[in-house]
Amino acid sequence: MKPEEQFEKNLTDYAPLFNCEYIKIPDPIKAKGNMIRKGKGYTMIAHKRPFDGILVTPSFNWCIECKYNYNPLKTHQKEYKGKVERVNEGYLILRKIVNKKTVFRIEWLEKKQDFYSIPEMIEFIKELK
């Protein structure tokens, strides 16, 4: 399992402990039946997903993009982030940064907040809105 996928799985496991739920959005690019015949070859018919999942808290639903270390957002992720922030400022980038110590970072709007555990991070997110 890739580090980013493991981070996302940990988020899924911890969320119910805080009266929250993390809902992963399936990746349409890997979906069965995503290719159609076009001429002599095949072409993809699905769009890229806007973000990795949704964190449902008692007071707000957050669009979540999980990243490992300092991986940048892809172009389509930046576009969706901008669209969501114009509507309700509900897009969070959650990072697991592994150096000498593991740090979990929330990036929201132009702010950054670091934590030393996923539970601390989820508690903070619950209080944002």
C-alpha atoms as a PDB file:
ATOM      1  CA  MET A   1       0.000   0.000   0.000  1.00  0.00           C
ATOM      2  CA  LYS A   2       1.332   3.434  -0.940  1.00  0.00           C
ATOM      3  CA  PRO A   3       2.057   5.814   1.984  1.00  0.00           C
ATOM      4  CA  GLU A   4      -0.705   8.195   0.888  1.00  0.00           C
ATOM      5  CA  GLU A   5      -3.231   5.331   0.764  1.00  0.00           C
ATOM      6  CA  GLN A   6      -2.154   4.170   4.245  1.00  0.00           C
ATOM      7  CA  PHE A   7      -2.593   7.706   5.580  1.00  0.00           C
ATOM      8  CA  GLU A   8      -6.079   7.827   4.089  1.00  0.00           C
ATOM      9  CA  LYS A   9      -6.934   4.414   5.581  1.00  0.00           C
ATOM     10  CA  ASN A  10      -5.782   5.615   9.013  1.00  0.00           C
ATOM     11  CA  LEU A  11      -8.000   8.673   8.627  1.00  0.00           C
ATOM     12  CA  THR A  12     -10.932   6.380   7.785  1.00  0.00           C
ATOM     13  CA  ASP A  13     -10.236   4.254  10.872  1.00  0.00           C
ATOM     14  CA  TYR A  14      -9.880   7.174  13.307  1.00  0.00           C
ATOM     15  CA  ALA A  15     -12.817   9.322  12.128  1.00  0.00           C
ATOM     16  CA  PRO A  16     -15.615   7.262  13.808  1.00  0.00           C
ATOM     17  CA  LEU A  17     -13.838   7.598  17.167  1.00  0.00           C
ATOM     18  CA  PHE A  18     -14.583  11.333  16.970  1.00  0.00           C
ATOM     19  CA  ASN A  19     -18.192  11.111  15.797  1.00  0.00           C
ATOM     20  CA  CYS A  20     -17.072  11.732  12.204  1.00  0.00           C
ATOM     21  CA  GLU A  21     -16.913   9.716   9.010  1.00  0.00           C
ATOM     22  CA  TYR A  22     -14.418   9.762   6.178  1.00  0.00           C
ATOM     23  CA  ILE A  23     -15.981   8.791   2.839  1.00  0.00           C
ATOM     24  CA  LYS A  24     -13.511   7.920   0.113  1.00  0.00           C
ATOM     25  CA  ILE A  25     -14.455   8.945  -3.415  1.00  0.00           C
ATOM     26  CA  PRO A  26     -13.731   6.069  -5.805  1.00  0.00           C
ATOM     27  CA  ASP A  27     -11.143   6.802  -8.462  1.00  0.00           C
ATOM     28  CA  PRO A  28     -13.035   6.840 -11.800  1.00  0.00           C
ATOM     29  CA  ILE A  29      -9.829   6.380 -13.784  1.00  0.00           C
ATOM     30  CA  LYS A  30      -9.385   2.899 -12.286  1.00  0.00           C
ATOM     31  CA  ALA A  31     -13.077   2.024 -12.629  1.00  0.00           C
ATOM     32  CA  LYS A  32     -14.097  -0.986 -14.663  1.00  0.00           C
ATOM     33  CA  GLY A  33     -15.665  -0.023 -17.979  1.00  0.00           C
ATOM     34  CA  ASN A  34     -13.889   3.315 -18.101  1.00  0.00           C
ATOM     35  CA  MET A  35     -12.424   2.745 -21.568  1.00  0.00           C
ATOM     36  CA  ILE A  36     -14.381   2.949 -24.817  1.00  0.00           C
ATOM     37  CA  ARG A  37     -13.308   1.953 -28.287  1.00  0.00           C
ATOM     38  CA  LYS A  38     -12.364   4.930 -30.420  1.00  0.00           C
ATOM     39  CA  GLY A  39     -11.029   4.232 -33.887  1.00  0.00           C
ATOM     40  CA  LYS A  40      -8.258   1.668 -33.626  1.00  0.00           C
ATOM     41  CA  GLY A  41      -7.626   2.253 -29.916  1.00  0.00           C
ATOM     42  CA  TYR A  42      -9.328   3.037 -26.645  1.00  0.00           C
ATOM     43  CA  THR A  43      -9.953   6.265 -24.794  1.00  0.00           C
ATOM     44  CA  MET A  44     -10.889   7.034 -21.202  1.00  0.00           C
ATOM     45  CA  ILE A  45     -14.380   8.347 -20.572  1.00  0.00           C
ATOM     46  CA  ALA A  46     -14.155   9.242 -16.865  1.00  0.00           C
ATOM     47  CA  HIS A  47     -13.147  12.563 -15.381  1.00  0.00           C
ATOM     48  CA  LYS A  48     -10.554  12.895 -12.686  1.00  0.00           C
ATOM     49  CA  ARG A  49     -11.986  12.931  -9.191  1.00  0.00           C
ATOM     50  CA  PRO A  50     -12.081  16.375  -7.582  1.00  0.00           C
ATOM     51  CA  PHE A  51     -10.508  15.275  -4.255  1.00  0.00           C
ATOM     52  CA  ASP A  52      -9.833  12.092  -2.297  1.00  0.00           C
ATOM     53  CA  GLY A  53     -12.804  12.074   0.050  1.00  0.00           C
ATOM     54  CA  ILE A  54     -15.237  13.852   2.323  1.00  0.00           C
ATOM     55  CA  LEU A  55     -14.804  14.192   6.078  1.00  0.00           C
ATOM     56  CA  VAL A  56     -18.249  14.440   7.628  1.00  0.00           C
ATOM     57  CA  THR A  57     -18.159  16.117  11.050  1.00  0.00           C
ATOM     58  CA  PRO A  58     -21.120  16.989  13.282  1.00  0.00           C
ATOM     59  CA  SER A  59     -21.039  20.598  12.063  1.00  0.00           C
ATOM     60  CA  PHE A  60     -19.601  20.578   8.526  1.00  0.00           C
ATOM     61  CA  ASN A  61     -18.614  18.416   5.553  1.00  0.00           C
ATOM     62  CA  TRP A  62     -15.029  18.910   4.359  1.00  0.00           C
ATOM     63  CA  CYS A  63     -13.568  18.131   0.944  1.00  0.00           C
ATOM     64  CA  ILE A  64     -10.284  16.352   1.711  1.00  0.00           C
ATOM     65  CA  GLU A  65      -7.184  15.900  -0.379  1.00  0.00           C
ATOM     66  CA  CYS A  66      -4.603  13.640   1.306  1.00  0.00           C
ATOM     67  CA  LYS A  67      -0.942  14.130   0.469  1.00  0.00           C
ATOM     68  CA  TYR A  68       2.267  12.474   1.616  1.00  0.00           C
ATOM     69  CA  ASN A  69       5.260  14.665   2.405  1.00  0.00           C
ATOM     70  CA  TYR A  70       5.393  17.693   0.106  1.00  0.00           C
ATOM     71  CA  ASN A  71       3.680  16.327  -2.996  1.00  0.00           C
ATOM     72  CA  PRO A  72       2.048  19.277  -4.773  1.00  0.00           C
ATOM     73  CA  LEU A  73      -1.564  19.434  -5.888  1.00  0.00           C
ATOM     74  CA  LYS A  74      -2.160  18.437  -9.486  1.00  0.00           C
ATOM     75  CA  THR A  75      -3.669  20.992 -11.868  1.00  0.00           C
ATOM     76  CA  HIS A  76      -7.228  19.613 -11.654  1.00  0.00           C
ATOM     77  CA  GLN A  77      -6.969  19.461  -7.835  1.00  0.00           C
ATOM     78  CA  LYS A  78      -5.981  23.143  -7.711  1.00  0.00           C
ATOM     79  CA  GLU A  79      -8.972  24.002  -9.903  1.00  0.00           C
ATOM     80  CA  TYR A  80     -11.440  22.130  -7.665  1.00  0.00           C
ATOM     81  CA  LYS A  81      -9.839  23.621  -4.550  1.00  0.00           C
ATOM     82  CA  GLY A  82     -10.430  27.113  -5.936  1.00  0.00           C
ATOM     83  CA  LYS A  83     -14.036  26.315  -6.840  1.00  0.00           C
ATOM     84  CA  VAL A  84     -14.848  24.882  -3.407  1.00  0.00           C
ATOM     85  CA  GLU A  85     -13.151  27.751  -1.563  1.00  0.00           C
ATOM     86  CA  ARG A  86     -15.200  30.303  -3.523  1.00  0.00           C
ATOM     87  CA  VAL A  87     -18.394  28.586  -2.379  1.00  0.00           C
ATOM     88  CA  ASN A  88     -17.794  27.650   1.263  1.00  0.00           C
ATOM     89  CA  GLU A  89     -14.060  27.487   2.116  1.00  0.00           C
ATOM     90  CA  GLY A  90     -14.505  23.769   2.792  1.00  0.00           C
ATOM     91  CA  TYR A  91     -11.404  22.271   1.125  1.00  0.00           C
ATOM     92  CA  LEU A  92      -8.635  20.876   3.319  1.00  0.00           C
ATOM     93  CA  ILE A  93      -5.300  19.451   2.307  1.00  0.00           C
ATOM     94  CA  LEU A  94      -4.149  16.918   4.896  1.00  0.00           C
ATOM     95  CA  ARG A  95      -0.483  15.956   4.786  1.00  0.00           C
ATOM     96  CA  LYS A  96       1.538  13.295   6.497  1.00  0.00           C
ATOM     97  CA  ILE A  97       5.102  14.596   6.580  1.00  0.00           C
ATOM     98  CA  VAL A  98       7.761  12.083   7.544  1.00  0.00           C
ATOM     99  CA  ASN A  99      11.164  13.459   8.535  1.00  0.00           C
ATOM    100  CA  LYS A 100      12.877  12.804  11.866  1.00  0.00           C
ATOM    101  CA  LYS A 101       9.426  13.049  13.424  1.00  0.00           C
ATOM    102  CA  THR A 102       6.100  12.423  11.729  1.00  0.00           C
ATOM    103  CA  VAL A 103       3.928  15.522  11.475  1.00  0.00           C
ATOM    104  CA  PHE A 104       0.337  15.752  10.283  1.00  0.00           C
ATOM    105  CA  ARG A 105      -0.474  19.089   8.650  1.00  0.00           C
ATOM    106  CA  ILE A 106      -3.747  20.774   7.771  1.00  0.00           C
ATOM    107  CA  GLU A 107      -3.612  23.339   4.973  1.00  0.00           C
ATOM    108  CA  TRP A 108      -6.755  25.443   4.827  1.00  0.00           C
ATOM    109  CA  LEU A 109      -7.006  28.604   2.760  1.00  0.00           C
ATOM    110  CA  GLU A 110      -3.575  30.174   3.350  1.00  0.00           C
ATOM    111  CA  LYS A 111      -3.153  28.724   6.862  1.00  0.00           C
ATOM    112  CA  LYS A 112      -1.138  25.732   8.035  1.00  0.00           C
ATOM    113  CA  GLN A 113      -1.421  23.876  11.320  1.00  0.00           C
ATOM    114  CA  ASP A 114       0.774  20.965  12.419  1.00  0.00           C
ATOM    115  CA  PHE A 115      -0.117  18.071  14.733  1.00  0.00           C
ATOM    116  CA  TYR A 116       1.655  14.977  16.009  1.00  0.00           C
ATOM    117  CA  SER A 117      -1.238  12.552  15.588  1.00  0.00           C
ATOM    118  CA  ILE A 118      -4.295  11.970  13.434  1.00  0.00           C
ATOM    119  CA  PRO A 119      -6.654  12.164  16.451  1.00  0.00           C
ATOM    120  CA  GLU A 120      -5.337  15.663  17.290  1.00  0.00           C
ATOM    121  CA  MET A 121      -5.852  16.684  13.678  1.00  0.00           C
ATOM    122  CA  ILE A 122      -9.448  15.405  13.568  1.00  0.00           C
ATOM    123  CA  GLU A 123     -10.297  17.175  16.859  1.00  0.00           C
ATOM    124  CA  PHE A 124      -9.012  20.430  15.374  1.00  0.00           C
ATOM    125  CA  ILE A 125     -11.019  19.974  12.168  1.00  0.00           C
ATOM    126  CA  LYS A 126     -14.196  19.390  14.196  1.00  0.00           C
ATOM    127  CA  GLU A 127     -13.732  22.841  15.756  1.00  0.00           C
ATOM    128  CA  LEU A 128     -13.059  24.732  12.501  1.00  0.00           C
ATOM    129  CA  LYS A 129     -16.705  25.437  11.645  1.00  0.00           C
END
